Amino acid sequence: VWGNDYSILAPRLLKQTVGSFAPQFNNNFQHDSQEFCQFLMDGLHEDLNRVKNKPYVEQFEAYGMEDRLAAEESWRNHLKRHDSIFVDYTQGMHRSHLTCPGCGRESVKFDVYSSISLPLVPPKSGSTIPLKDCLDQFAAGEQLDEHNAWYCSNCKSHVCALKLITLWNTPDVLVLHLKRFTFEKCPDVDGRILRRKIEDTVNFPIDRLDLTEYVLGPIDPNAPPIYKLFGVSEHSGTTANTGHYTATVRNSEDGNWYRYNDSNVGFTSGDAAITGGAYLLFYQRIKGSLRWAGMEKELNGTPNVDEDGFQAVVGKKKKNRR
């Protein structure tokens, strides 16, 4: 393709290779593009992982610690097992805060993410859904259901905890997943669980998505969390296991938008991707670049602190006396 020998390229070999590692993709069925994208990114990360011998790392409980120190310690632990170009530019961290509705026990952890799944809120008066409404709903928190119950060590039981997730930082390449598919029990099909699709249109920014108000951690003025769209994965059909996928992509060289539909490629616009089929949104930071979503600067500028909050002291080397 890059040598202009071909006008189109069918990625059959890529799909076959992925299917050899993941049996769920080793067939001709329709698959969820979000699940495929996540598996592919995880697989490429592991192949490029600079850490060859992974040590055992315990989960880090951050409740009671200063958020900045807890975030840094959590990222240090992450780097002990994960270090690749995907970690450098496609992974960020969010702060997860759980509260037991019975005894009030709290738990805080900083988790790594490579995509953000956004709930779709009901549209107002049949209009489109602003992406900001989805982001606001994501930041508002939720109460876990019985299928995702959290174990409370005080109550000695699994509880439907209150969960609040806040973005600590954001990577250079940001993937937003619009949760269009819901799980429903269908009485007409032997009570099986089917995924229903929400086809409301989400109105997302093309040239400027500002996430400043949603980021809890430090913000670098030279690389703020402001993004431009460069790709959209679109789904047409009623369920994730049926239908058809297309893509709308911005060319990094000429800035033009192109629509990809199997072997058909044509000019289009970014606004043309704002439909009820938009499923995955791919954004890139507009200004500057931050390795590890900015954690590289934070770690280099902060002394090493243990989990009890004590700073490690390194003695100076004594000069040899002559």
C-alpha atoms as a PDB file:
ATOM      1  CA  VAL A   1       0.000   0.000   0.000  1.00  0.00           C
ATOM      2  CA  TRP A   2       2.733   2.492   1.019  1.00  0.00           C
ATOM      3  CA  GLY A   3       4.617   1.805  -2.219  1.00  0.00           C
ATOM      4  CA  ASN A   4       1.472   2.516  -4.297  1.00  0.00           C
ATOM      5  CA  ASP A   5       1.478  -1.060  -5.599  1.00  0.00           C
ATOM      6  CA  TYR A   6      -2.023  -1.676  -4.234  1.00  0.00           C
ATOM      7  CA  SER A   7      -5.067   0.553  -3.915  1.00  0.00           C
ATOM      8  CA  ILE A   8      -6.694  -1.626  -1.236  1.00  0.00           C
ATOM      9  CA  LEU A   9      -5.478  -4.279   1.175  1.00  0.00           C
ATOM     10  CA  ALA A  10      -7.681  -6.922   2.806  1.00  0.00           C
ATOM     11  CA  PRO A  11      -6.339  -7.658   6.315  1.00  0.00           C
ATOM     12  CA  ARG A  12      -7.077 -11.386   6.143  1.00  0.00           C
ATOM     13  CA  LEU A  13      -3.613 -12.387   7.347  1.00  0.00           C
ATOM     14  CA  LEU A  14      -3.938 -10.078  10.358  1.00  0.00           C
ATOM     15  CA  LYS A  15      -7.296 -11.598  11.269  1.00  0.00           C
ATOM     16  CA  GLN A  16      -5.943 -15.135  10.825  1.00  0.00           C
ATOM     17  CA  THR A  17      -2.957 -14.322  13.027  1.00  0.00           C
ATOM     18  CA  VAL A  18      -5.161 -12.866  15.764  1.00  0.00           C
ATOM     19  CA  GLY A  19      -7.477 -15.874  15.474  1.00  0.00           C
ATOM     20  CA  SER A  20      -4.549 -18.240  16.017  1.00  0.00           C
ATOM     21  CA  PHE A  21      -4.045 -16.673  19.463  1.00  0.00           C
ATOM     22  CA  ALA A  22      -7.706 -16.020  20.265  1.00  0.00           C
ATOM     23  CA  PRO A  23     -10.098 -18.822  19.211  1.00  0.00           C
ATOM     24  CA  GLN A  24     -13.110 -16.520  19.589  1.00  0.00           C
ATOM     25  CA  PHE A  25     -11.926 -14.642  16.484  1.00  0.00           C
ATOM     26  CA  ASN A  26     -10.962 -17.751  14.477  1.00  0.00           C
ATOM     27  CA  ASN A  27     -14.180 -17.903  12.433  1.00  0.00           C
ATOM     28  CA  ASN A  28     -16.250 -15.914   9.956  1.00  0.00           C
ATOM     29  CA  PHE A  29     -18.744 -14.600  12.495  1.00  0.00           C
ATOM     30  CA  GLN A  30     -19.423 -10.928  13.177  1.00  0.00           C
ATOM     31  CA  HIS A  31     -17.403  -9.674  16.153  1.00  0.00           C
ATOM     32  CA  ASP A  32     -17.474  -6.651  18.411  1.00  0.00           C
ATOM     33  CA  SER A  33     -14.890  -4.131  17.131  1.00  0.00           C
ATOM     34  CA  GLN A  34     -14.235  -2.860  20.662  1.00  0.00           C
ATOM     35  CA  GLU A  35     -13.388  -6.358  21.905  1.00  0.00           C
ATOM     36  CA  PHE A  36     -11.178  -6.993  18.863  1.00  0.00           C
ATOM     37  CA  CYS A  37      -9.401  -3.653  19.208  1.00  0.00           C
ATOM     38  CA  GLN A  38      -8.769  -4.228  22.918  1.00  0.00           C
ATOM     39  CA  PHE A  39      -7.411  -7.732  22.328  1.00  0.00           C
ATOM     40  CA  LEU A  40      -5.179  -6.533  19.497  1.00  0.00           C
ATOM     41  CA  MET A  41      -3.750  -3.665  21.550  1.00  0.00           C
ATOM     42  CA  ASP A  42      -3.155  -5.947  24.539  1.00  0.00           C
ATOM     43  CA  GLY A  43      -1.468  -8.549  22.333  1.00  0.00           C
ATOM     44  CA  LEU A  44       0.797  -6.022  20.624  1.00  0.00           C
ATOM     45  CA  HIS A  45       1.686  -4.559  23.993  1.00  0.00           C
ATOM     46  CA  GLU A  46       2.733  -7.966  25.330  1.00  0.00           C
ATOM     47  CA  ASP A  47       4.807  -8.682  22.206  1.00  0.00           C
ATOM     48  CA  LEU A  48       6.590  -5.336  22.626  1.00  0.00           C
ATOM     49  CA  ASN A  49       6.793  -5.472  26.406  1.00  0.00           C
ATOM     50  CA  ARG A  50      10.290  -4.533  27.572  1.00  0.00           C
ATOM     51  CA  VAL A  51       9.730  -6.404  30.832  1.00  0.00           C
ATOM     52  CA  LYS A  52      10.736 -10.023  30.233  1.00  0.00           C
ATOM     53  CA  ASN A  53      10.544 -11.360  33.801  1.00  0.00           C
ATOM     54  CA  LYS A  54       7.429 -10.073  35.532  1.00  0.00           C
ATOM     55  CA  PRO A  55       7.579  -9.931  39.331  1.00  0.00           C
ATOM     56  CA  TYR A  56       4.551 -10.528  41.535  1.00  0.00           C
ATOM     57  CA  VAL A  57       2.940  -7.203  42.478  1.00  0.00           C
ATOM     58  CA  GLU A  58       0.221  -6.953  45.115  1.00  0.00           C
ATOM     59  CA  GLN A  59      -2.797  -4.732  44.567  1.00  0.00           C
ATOM     60  CA  PHE A  60      -2.190  -1.322  46.061  1.00  0.00           C
ATOM     61  CA  GLU A  61      -4.779   0.143  48.467  1.00  0.00           C
ATOM     62  CA  ALA A  62      -4.614   3.936  48.348  1.00  0.00           C
ATOM     63  CA  TYR A  63      -7.308   4.923  50.852  1.00  0.00           C
ATOM     64  CA  GLY A  64      -5.907   7.392  53.362  1.00  0.00           C
ATOM     65  CA  MET A  65      -2.931   8.370  51.175  1.00  0.00           C
ATOM     66  CA  GLU A  66      -2.447  11.602  49.314  1.00  0.00           C
ATOM     67  CA  ASP A  67      -3.771  11.049  45.797  1.00  0.00           C
ATOM     68  CA  ARG A  68      -0.589  12.216  44.082  1.00  0.00           C
ATOM     69  CA  LEU A  69       1.630   9.835  46.037  1.00  0.00           C
ATOM     70  CA  ALA A  70      -0.825   6.960  45.619  1.00  0.00           C
ATOM     71  CA  ALA A  71      -0.986   7.533  41.860  1.00  0.00           C
ATOM     72  CA  GLU A  72       2.794   7.547  41.559  1.00  0.00           C
ATOM     73  CA  GLU A  73       3.200   4.368  43.603  1.00  0.00           C
ATOM     74  CA  SER A  74       0.476   2.639  41.568  1.00  0.00           C
ATOM     75  CA  TRP A  75       2.198   3.602  38.308  1.00  0.00           C
ATOM     76  CA  ARG A  76       5.560   2.372  39.602  1.00  0.00           C
ATOM     77  CA  ASN A  77       3.940  -0.975  40.321  1.00  0.00           C
ATOM     78  CA  HIS A  78       2.419  -1.007  36.831  1.00  0.00           C
ATOM     79  CA  LEU A  79       5.823  -0.409  35.234  1.00  0.00           C
ATOM     80  CA  LYS A  80       7.278  -3.409  37.052  1.00  0.00           C
ATOM     81  CA  ARG A  81       5.220  -5.638  34.735  1.00  0.00           C
ATOM     82  CA  HIS A  82       4.302  -3.432  31.767  1.00  0.00           C
ATOM     83  CA  ASP A  83       6.591  -1.251  29.651  1.00  0.00           C
ATOM     84  CA  SER A  84       5.991  -0.802  25.927  1.00  0.00           C
ATOM     85  CA  ILE A  85       5.190   1.910  23.399  1.00  0.00           C
ATOM     86  CA  PHE A  86       1.513   1.232  24.141  1.00  0.00           C
ATOM     87  CA  VAL A  87       2.137   2.017  27.807  1.00  0.00           C
ATOM     88  CA  ASP A  88       4.039   5.134  26.727  1.00  0.00           C
ATOM     89  CA  TYR A  89       1.261   6.729  24.687  1.00  0.00           C
ATOM     90  CA  THR A  90      -2.065   4.854  24.909  1.00  0.00           C
ATOM     91  CA  GLN A  91      -2.519   4.173  28.633  1.00  0.00           C
ATOM     92  CA  GLY A  92      -3.677   6.444  31.419  1.00  0.00           C
ATOM     93  CA  MET A  93      -4.899   6.060  34.991  1.00  0.00           C
ATOM     94  CA  HIS A  94      -8.190   6.624  36.743  1.00  0.00           C
ATOM     95  CA  ARG A  95      -9.038   6.806  40.438  1.00  0.00           C
ATOM     96  CA  SER A  96     -11.579   4.208  41.554  1.00  0.00           C
ATOM     97  CA  HIS A  97     -13.417   4.939  44.820  1.00  0.00           C
ATOM     98  CA  LEU A  98     -15.710   2.259  46.311  1.00  0.00           C
ATOM     99  CA  THR A  99     -17.991   2.767  49.314  1.00  0.00           C
ATOM    100  CA  CYS A 100     -19.914   0.046  51.134  1.00  0.00           C
ATOM    101  CA  PRO A 101     -23.596   1.074  51.484  1.00  0.00           C
ATOM    102  CA  GLY A 102     -23.845  -0.929  54.720  1.00  0.00           C
ATOM    103  CA  CYS A 103     -20.884   0.007  56.915  1.00  0.00           C
ATOM    104  CA  GLY A 104     -19.408   2.888  54.918  1.00  0.00           C
ATOM    105  CA  ARG A 105     -16.012   1.240  54.413  1.00  0.00           C
ATOM    106  CA  GLU A 106     -14.091   2.876  51.572  1.00  0.00           C
ATOM    107  CA  SER A 107     -11.478   1.648  49.131  1.00  0.00           C
ATOM    108  CA  VAL A 108      -9.413   3.737  46.732  1.00  0.00           C
ATOM    109  CA  LYS A 109      -7.285   2.330  43.925  1.00  0.00           C
ATOM    110  CA  PHE A 110      -5.598   3.778  40.875  1.00  0.00           C
ATOM    111  CA  ASP A 111      -6.179   1.579  37.826  1.00  0.00           C
ATOM    112  CA  VAL A 112      -4.672   1.710  34.347  1.00  0.00           C
ATOM    113  CA  TYR A 113      -6.931   2.037  31.300  1.00  0.00           C
ATOM    114  CA  SER A 114      -6.419   2.026  27.531  1.00  0.00           C
ATOM    115  CA  SER A 115      -9.996   2.984  26.624  1.00  0.00           C
ATOM    116  CA  ILE A 116     -12.891   4.703  28.371  1.00  0.00           C
ATOM    117  CA  SER A 117     -16.374   3.171  28.149  1.00  0.00           C
ATOM    118  CA  LEU A 118     -19.047   5.867  28.242  1.00  0.00           C
ATOM    119  CA  PRO A 119     -22.717   5.230  29.093  1.00  0.00           C
ATOM    120  CA  LEU A 120     -25.286   6.633  26.697  1.00  0.00           C
ATOM    121  CA  VAL A 121     -27.807   8.845  28.464  1.00  0.00           C
ATOM    122  CA  PRO A 122     -31.382   9.192  27.139  1.00  0.00           C
ATOM    123  CA  PRO A 123     -31.626  12.011  24.581  1.00  0.00           C
ATOM    124  CA  LYS A 124     -33.655  15.098  25.439  1.00  0.00           C
ATOM    125  CA  SER A 125     -36.802  15.530  23.340  1.00  0.00           C
ATOM    126  CA  GLY A 126     -35.610  13.127  20.684  1.00  0.00           C
ATOM    127  CA  SER A 127     -32.495  15.195  19.913  1.00  0.00           C
ATOM    128  CA  THR A 128     -28.906  13.992  19.675  1.00  0.00           C
ATOM    129  CA  ILE A 129     -26.896  13.163  22.792  1.00  0.00           C
ATOM    130  CA  PRO A 130     -24.010  15.552  23.500  1.00  0.00           C
ATOM    131  CA  LEU A 131     -20.807  13.671  24.275  1.00  0.00           C
ATOM    132  CA  LYS A 132     -20.482  15.896  27.345  1.00  0.00           C
ATOM    133  CA  ASP A 133     -23.643  14.304  28.786  1.00  0.00           C
ATOM    134  CA  CYS A 134     -22.010  10.883  28.442  1.00  0.00           C
ATOM    135  CA  LEU A 135     -18.840  12.147  30.116  1.00  0.00           C
ATOM    136  CA  ASP A 136     -20.870  13.711  32.929  1.00  0.00           C
ATOM    137  CA  GLN A 137     -22.713  10.428  33.482  1.00  0.00           C
ATOM    138  CA  PHE A 138     -19.405   8.541  33.538  1.00  0.00           C
ATOM    139  CA  ALA A 139     -18.059  10.944  36.185  1.00  0.00           C
ATOM    140  CA  ALA A 140     -21.260  10.796  38.269  1.00  0.00           C
ATOM    141  CA  GLY A 141     -20.613   7.257  39.471  1.00  0.00           C
ATOM    142  CA  GLU A 142     -22.894   4.263  39.814  1.00  0.00           C
ATOM    143  CA  GLN A 143     -24.092   1.587  42.202  1.00  0.00           C
ATOM    144  CA  LEU A 144     -22.767  -1.843  41.308  1.00  0.00           C
ATOM    145  CA  ASP A 145     -25.289  -4.581  40.585  1.00  0.00           C
ATOM    146  CA  GLU A 146     -25.224  -8.051  42.100  1.00  0.00           C
ATOM    147  CA  HIS A 147     -23.234  -9.418  39.156  1.00  0.00           C
ATOM    148  CA  ASN A 148     -20.391  -6.975  39.897  1.00  0.00           C
ATOM    149  CA  ALA A 149     -20.647  -6.920  43.687  1.00  0.00           C
ATOM    150  CA  TRP A 150     -17.616  -5.856  45.738  1.00  0.00           C
ATOM    151  CA  TYR A 151     -16.377  -7.816  48.749  1.00  0.00           C
ATOM    152  CA  CYS A 152     -16.420  -5.697  51.903  1.00  0.00           C
ATOM    153  CA  SER A 153     -13.921  -6.990  54.453  1.00  0.00           C
ATOM    154  CA  ASN A 154     -15.856  -5.329  57.272  1.00  0.00           C
ATOM    155  CA  CYS A 155     -19.227  -6.853  56.387  1.00  0.00           C
ATOM    156  CA  LYS A 156     -17.585 -10.136  55.266  1.00  0.00           C
ATOM    157  CA  SER A 157     -19.864 -10.275  52.240  1.00  0.00           C
ATOM    158  CA  HIS A 158     -20.260  -9.053  48.668  1.00  0.00           C
ATOM    159  CA  VAL A 159     -22.183  -5.780  48.489  1.00  0.00           C
ATOM    160  CA  CYS A 160     -23.576  -3.521  45.776  1.00  0.00           C
ATOM    161  CA  ALA A 161     -21.068  -0.766  46.464  1.00  0.00           C
ATOM    162  CA  LEU A 162     -21.183   2.817  45.297  1.00  0.00           C
ATOM    163  CA  LYS A 163     -18.461   3.272  42.673  1.00  0.00           C
ATOM    164  CA  LEU A 164     -16.989   6.574  41.550  1.00  0.00           C
ATOM    165  CA  ILE A 165     -14.380   6.658  38.767  1.00  0.00           C
ATOM    166  CA  THR A 166     -12.420   9.839  38.087  1.00  0.00           C
ATOM    167  CA  LEU A 167      -9.780  10.316  35.395  1.00  0.00           C
ATOM    168  CA  TRP A 168      -6.385  10.995  36.955  1.00  0.00           C
ATOM    169  CA  ASN A 169      -4.694  11.625  33.610  1.00  0.00           C
ATOM    170  CA  THR A 170      -5.163  10.960  29.886  1.00  0.00           C
ATOM    171  CA  PRO A 171      -2.777   9.469  27.273  1.00  0.00           C
ATOM    172  CA  ASP A 172      -1.703  10.999  23.956  1.00  0.00           C
ATOM    173  CA  VAL A 173      -3.970   8.586  22.059  1.00  0.00           C
ATOM    174  CA  LEU A 174      -7.398   8.296  23.645  1.00  0.00           C
ATOM    175  CA  VAL A 175     -10.044   5.707  22.729  1.00  0.00           C
ATOM    176  CA  LEU A 176     -13.649   6.389  23.740  1.00  0.00           C
ATOM    177  CA  HIS A 177     -16.058   3.453  23.640  1.00  0.00           C
ATOM    178  CA  LEU A 178     -19.747   4.366  23.355  1.00  0.00           C
ATOM    179  CA  LYS A 179     -21.693   1.675  25.215  1.00  0.00           C
ATOM    180  CA  ARG A 180     -24.344   1.079  22.577  1.00  0.00           C
ATOM    181  CA  PHE A 181     -25.060  -2.529  23.501  1.00  0.00           C
ATOM    182  CA  THR A 182     -27.089  -3.489  26.548  1.00  0.00           C
ATOM    183  CA  PHE A 183     -27.684  -6.964  27.954  1.00  0.00           C
ATOM    184  CA  GLU A 184     -31.327  -8.023  28.144  1.00  0.00           C
ATOM    185  CA  LYS A 185     -33.088 -11.267  28.972  1.00  0.00           C
ATOM    186  CA  CYS A 186     -35.267 -12.350  26.061  1.00  0.00           C
ATOM    187  CA  PRO A 187     -38.281 -14.510  27.078  1.00  0.00           C
ATOM    188  CA  ASP A 188     -38.992 -15.399  23.448  1.00  0.00           C
ATOM    189  CA  VAL A 189     -35.585 -17.055  22.980  1.00  0.00           C
ATOM    190  CA  ASP A 190     -35.494 -19.531  25.892  1.00  0.00           C
ATOM    191  CA  GLY A 191     -34.635 -16.759  28.325  1.00  0.00           C
ATOM    192  CA  ARG A 192     -31.219 -16.216  26.775  1.00  0.00           C
ATOM    193  CA  ILE A 193     -29.331 -12.961  27.284  1.00  0.00           C
ATOM    194  CA  LEU A 194     -29.254 -10.841  24.133  1.00  0.00           C
ATOM    195  CA  ARG A 195     -27.490  -7.564  23.463  1.00  0.00           C
ATOM    196  CA  ARG A 196     -29.727  -4.745  22.311  1.00  0.00           C
ATOM    197  CA  LYS A 197     -28.308  -1.764  20.461  1.00  0.00           C
ATOM    198  CA  ILE A 198     -28.916   1.886  21.360  1.00  0.00           C
ATOM    199  CA  GLU A 199     -28.969   3.752  18.045  1.00  0.00           C
ATOM    200  CA  ASP A 200     -29.296   7.311  19.300  1.00  0.00           C
ATOM    201  CA  THR A 201     -26.842   9.740  17.728  1.00  0.00           C
ATOM    202  CA  VAL A 202     -24.044  11.022  19.974  1.00  0.00           C
ATOM    203  CA  ASN A 203     -22.788  14.460  18.965  1.00  0.00           C
ATOM    204  CA  PHE A 204     -19.018  14.353  19.536  1.00  0.00           C
ATOM    205  CA  PRO A 205     -16.430  17.074  18.794  1.00  0.00           C
ATOM    206  CA  ILE A 206     -14.286  16.715  15.675  1.00  0.00           C
ATOM    207  CA  ASP A 207     -11.522  19.280  16.137  1.00  0.00           C
ATOM    208  CA  ARG A 208     -11.547  20.067  19.868  1.00  0.00           C
ATOM    209  CA  LEU A 209     -12.480  17.788  22.760  1.00  0.00           C
ATOM    210  CA  ASP A 210     -11.485  19.445  26.042  1.00  0.00           C
ATOM    211  CA  LEU A 211     -11.319  17.031  28.997  1.00  0.00           C
ATOM    212  CA  THR A 212      -9.747  19.473  31.456  1.00  0.00           C
ATOM    213  CA  GLU A 213     -12.742  19.515  33.818  1.00  0.00           C
ATOM    214  CA  TYR A 214     -12.742  15.702  34.064  1.00  0.00           C
ATOM    215  CA  VAL A 215      -9.047  15.256  34.940  1.00  0.00           C
ATOM    216  CA  LEU A 216      -8.278  15.108  38.668  1.00  0.00           C
ATOM    217  CA  GLY A 217      -4.482  14.889  38.431  1.00  0.00           C
ATOM    218  CA  PRO A 218      -1.905  17.540  37.462  1.00  0.00           C
ATOM    219  CA  ILE A 219      -2.348  19.190  34.057  1.00  0.00           C
ATOM    220  CA  ASP A 220       0.666  20.168  31.971  1.00  0.00           C
ATOM    221  CA  PRO A 221      -0.024  23.506  30.212  1.00  0.00           C
ATOM    222  CA  ASN A 222       2.358  22.428  27.447  1.00  0.00           C
ATOM    223  CA  ALA A 223       0.289  19.291  26.763  1.00  0.00           C
ATOM    224  CA  PRO A 224      -3.254  19.841  28.052  1.00  0.00           C
ATOM    225  CA  PRO A 225      -5.975  17.148  27.747  1.00  0.00           C
ATOM    226  CA  ILE A 226      -7.412  18.676  24.565  1.00  0.00           C
ATOM    227  CA  TYR A 227      -7.916  16.351  21.603  1.00  0.00           C
ATOM    228  CA  LYS A 228      -8.857  16.133  17.947  1.00  0.00           C
ATOM    229  CA  LEU A 229     -10.654  13.202  16.366  1.00  0.00           C
ATOM    230  CA  PHE A 230      -8.765  11.057  13.860  1.00  0.00           C
ATOM    231  CA  GLY A 231     -10.919   7.934  13.503  1.00  0.00           C
ATOM    232  CA  VAL A 232     -14.331   6.401  14.096  1.00  0.00           C
ATOM    233  CA  SER A 233     -15.381   2.749  14.031  1.00  0.00           C
ATOM    234  CA  GLU A 234     -19.037   2.534  12.982  1.00  0.00           C
ATOM    235  CA  HIS A 235     -21.525  -0.300  13.344  1.00  0.00           C
ATOM    236  CA  SER A 236     -24.743  -0.826  11.429  1.00  0.00           C
ATOM    237  CA  GLY A 237     -27.155  -3.512  12.583  1.00  0.00           C
ATOM    238  CA  THR A 238     -29.245  -4.450  15.618  1.00  0.00           C
ATOM    239  CA  THR A 239     -26.728  -6.450  17.699  1.00  0.00           C
ATOM    240  CA  ALA A 240     -22.964  -6.603  18.095  1.00  0.00           C
ATOM    241  CA  ASN A 241     -22.939 -10.120  16.607  1.00  0.00           C
ATOM    242  CA  THR A 242     -24.715  -9.090  13.407  1.00  0.00           C
ATOM    243  CA  GLY A 243     -24.522  -6.191  10.983  1.00  0.00           C
ATOM    244  CA  HIS A 244     -21.599  -4.467   9.322  1.00  0.00           C
ATOM    245  CA  TYR A 245     -18.618  -2.321  10.324  1.00  0.00           C
ATOM    246  CA  THR A 246     -17.238   0.706   8.480  1.00  0.00           C
ATOM    247  CA  ALA A 247     -14.656   3.333   9.435  1.00  0.00           C
ATOM    248  CA  THR A 248     -14.141   7.062   8.957  1.00  0.00           C
ATOM    249  CA  VAL A 249     -10.497   8.171   9.258  1.00  0.00           C
ATOM    250  CA  ARG A 250      -8.568  11.444   9.036  1.00  0.00           C
ATOM    251  CA  ASN A 251      -5.395  11.213   6.935  1.00  0.00           C
ATOM    252  CA  SER A 252      -2.442  12.452   9.001  1.00  0.00           C
ATOM    253  CA  GLU A 253      -0.638  13.745   5.900  1.00  0.00           C
ATOM    254  CA  ASP A 254      -3.258  15.816   4.080  1.00  0.00           C
ATOM    255  CA  GLY A 255      -5.837  16.188   6.864  1.00  0.00           C
ATOM    256  CA  ASN A 256      -8.639  14.905   4.633  1.00  0.00           C
ATOM    257  CA  TRP A 257     -11.298  12.477   5.824  1.00  0.00           C
ATOM    258  CA  TYR A 258     -11.902   9.121   4.139  1.00  0.00           C
ATOM    259  CA  ARG A 259     -14.652   6.555   4.552  1.00  0.00           C
ATOM    260  CA  TYR A 260     -13.738   2.860   4.418  1.00  0.00           C
ATOM    261  CA  ASN A 261     -16.433   0.331   3.550  1.00  0.00           C
ATOM    262  CA  ASP A 262     -14.855  -3.031   2.701  1.00  0.00           C
ATOM    263  CA  SER A 263     -12.978  -2.409  -0.578  1.00  0.00           C
ATOM    264  CA  ASN A 264     -14.683   0.947  -1.196  1.00  0.00           C
ATOM    265  CA  VAL A 265     -12.800   4.091  -0.138  1.00  0.00           C
ATOM    266  CA  GLY A 266     -14.031   7.627  -0.726  1.00  0.00           C
ATOM    267  CA  PHE A 267     -13.739  11.216   0.457  1.00  0.00           C
ATOM    268  CA  THR A 268     -15.971  12.322   3.298  1.00  0.00           C
ATOM    269  CA  SER A 269     -15.973  14.687   6.280  1.00  0.00           C
ATOM    270  CA  GLY A 270     -15.550  14.205   9.998  1.00  0.00           C
ATOM    271  CA  ASP A 271     -19.092  15.430  10.605  1.00  0.00           C
ATOM    272  CA  ALA A 272     -20.395  12.602   8.411  1.00  0.00           C
ATOM    273  CA  ALA A 273     -19.286  10.136  11.102  1.00  0.00           C
ATOM    274  CA  ILE A 274     -21.688  11.645  13.666  1.00  0.00           C
ATOM    275  CA  THR A 275     -24.406   9.014  13.285  1.00  0.00           C
ATOM    276  CA  GLY A 276     -26.248   6.465  15.391  1.00  0.00           C
ATOM    277  CA  GLY A 277     -23.633   3.925  14.338  1.00  0.00           C
ATOM    278  CA  ALA A 278     -20.533   5.635  15.766  1.00  0.00           C
ATOM    279  CA  TYR A 279     -19.101   3.105  18.224  1.00  0.00           C
ATOM    280  CA  LEU A 280     -15.377   3.734  18.875  1.00  0.00           C
ATOM    281  CA  LEU A 281     -13.906   7.235  18.818  1.00  0.00           C
ATOM    282  CA  PHE A 282     -10.140   7.673  18.391  1.00  0.00           C
ATOM    283  CA  TYR A 283      -8.648  10.969  19.580  1.00  0.00           C
ATOM    284  CA  GLN A 284      -5.114  12.399  19.598  1.00  0.00           C
ATOM    285  CA  ARG A 285      -3.697  15.110  21.865  1.00  0.00           C
ATOM    286  CA  ILE A 286      -3.489  18.376  19.917  1.00  0.00           C
ATOM    287  CA  LYS A 287      -0.616  20.097  21.694  1.00  0.00           C
ATOM    288  CA  GLY A 288       2.512  18.453  23.028  1.00  0.00           C
ATOM    289  CA  SER A 289       3.137  14.871  24.045  1.00  0.00           C
ATOM    290  CA  LEU A 290       3.268  13.191  27.457  1.00  0.00           C
ATOM    291  CA  ARG A 291       4.908   9.832  27.999  1.00  0.00           C
ATOM    292  CA  TRP A 292       2.957   7.694  30.461  1.00  0.00           C
ATOM    293  CA  ALA A 293       0.130  10.279  30.327  1.00  0.00           C
ATOM    294  CA  GLY A 294       2.399  12.678  32.215  1.00  0.00           C
ATOM    295  CA  MET A 295       3.529  10.253  34.921  1.00  0.00           C
ATOM    296  CA  GLU A 296       7.115  10.352  33.622  1.00  0.00           C
ATOM    297  CA  LYS A 297       7.420  13.987  34.702  1.00  0.00           C
ATOM    298  CA  GLU A 298       5.662  13.308  37.984  1.00  0.00           C
ATOM    299  CA  LEU A 299       7.979  10.427  38.880  1.00  0.00           C
ATOM    300  CA  ASN A 300      11.119  12.293  37.882  1.00  0.00           C
ATOM    301  CA  GLY A 301      10.117  15.261  39.976  1.00  0.00           C
ATOM    302  CA  THR A 302       9.082  13.353  43.089  1.00  0.00           C
ATOM    303  CA  PRO A 303      11.322  11.486  45.556  1.00  0.00           C
ATOM    304  CA  ASN A 304      10.671   7.773  46.006  1.00  0.00           C
ATOM    305  CA  VAL A 305       8.139   7.298  48.821  1.00  0.00           C
ATOM    306  CA  ASP A 306       7.113   3.974  50.360  1.00  0.00           C
ATOM    307  CA  GLU A 307       3.521   2.911  51.060  1.00  0.00           C
ATOM    308  CA  ASP A 308       3.701   4.374  54.579  1.00  0.00           C
ATOM    309  CA  GLY A 309       4.615   7.790  53.231  1.00  0.00           C
ATOM    310  CA  PHE A 310       8.317   7.732  54.166  1.00  0.00           C
ATOM    311  CA  GLN A 311      10.856   9.096  51.714  1.00  0.00           C
ATOM    312  CA  ALA A 312      13.784   6.903  50.754  1.00  0.00           C
ATOM    313  CA  VAL A 313      17.105   8.541  51.608  1.00  0.00           C
ATOM    314  CA  VAL A 314      20.136   7.814  49.469  1.00  0.00           C
ATOM    315  CA  GLY A 315      23.480   8.535  51.069  1.00  0.00           C
ATOM    316  CA  LYS A 316      26.156  10.414  49.198  1.00  0.00           C
ATOM    317  CA  LYS A 317      29.190   8.533  48.028  1.00  0.00           C
ATOM    318  CA  LYS A 318      32.280   9.343  50.006  1.00  0.00           C
ATOM    319  CA  LYS A 319      35.192  10.775  48.099  1.00  0.00           C
ATOM    320  CA  ASN A 320      38.396   8.792  48.152  1.00  0.00           C
ATOM    321  CA  ARG A 321      40.990  10.506  50.259  1.00  0.00           C
ATOM    322  CA  ARG A 322      44.498  10.628  48.958  1.00  0.00           C
END
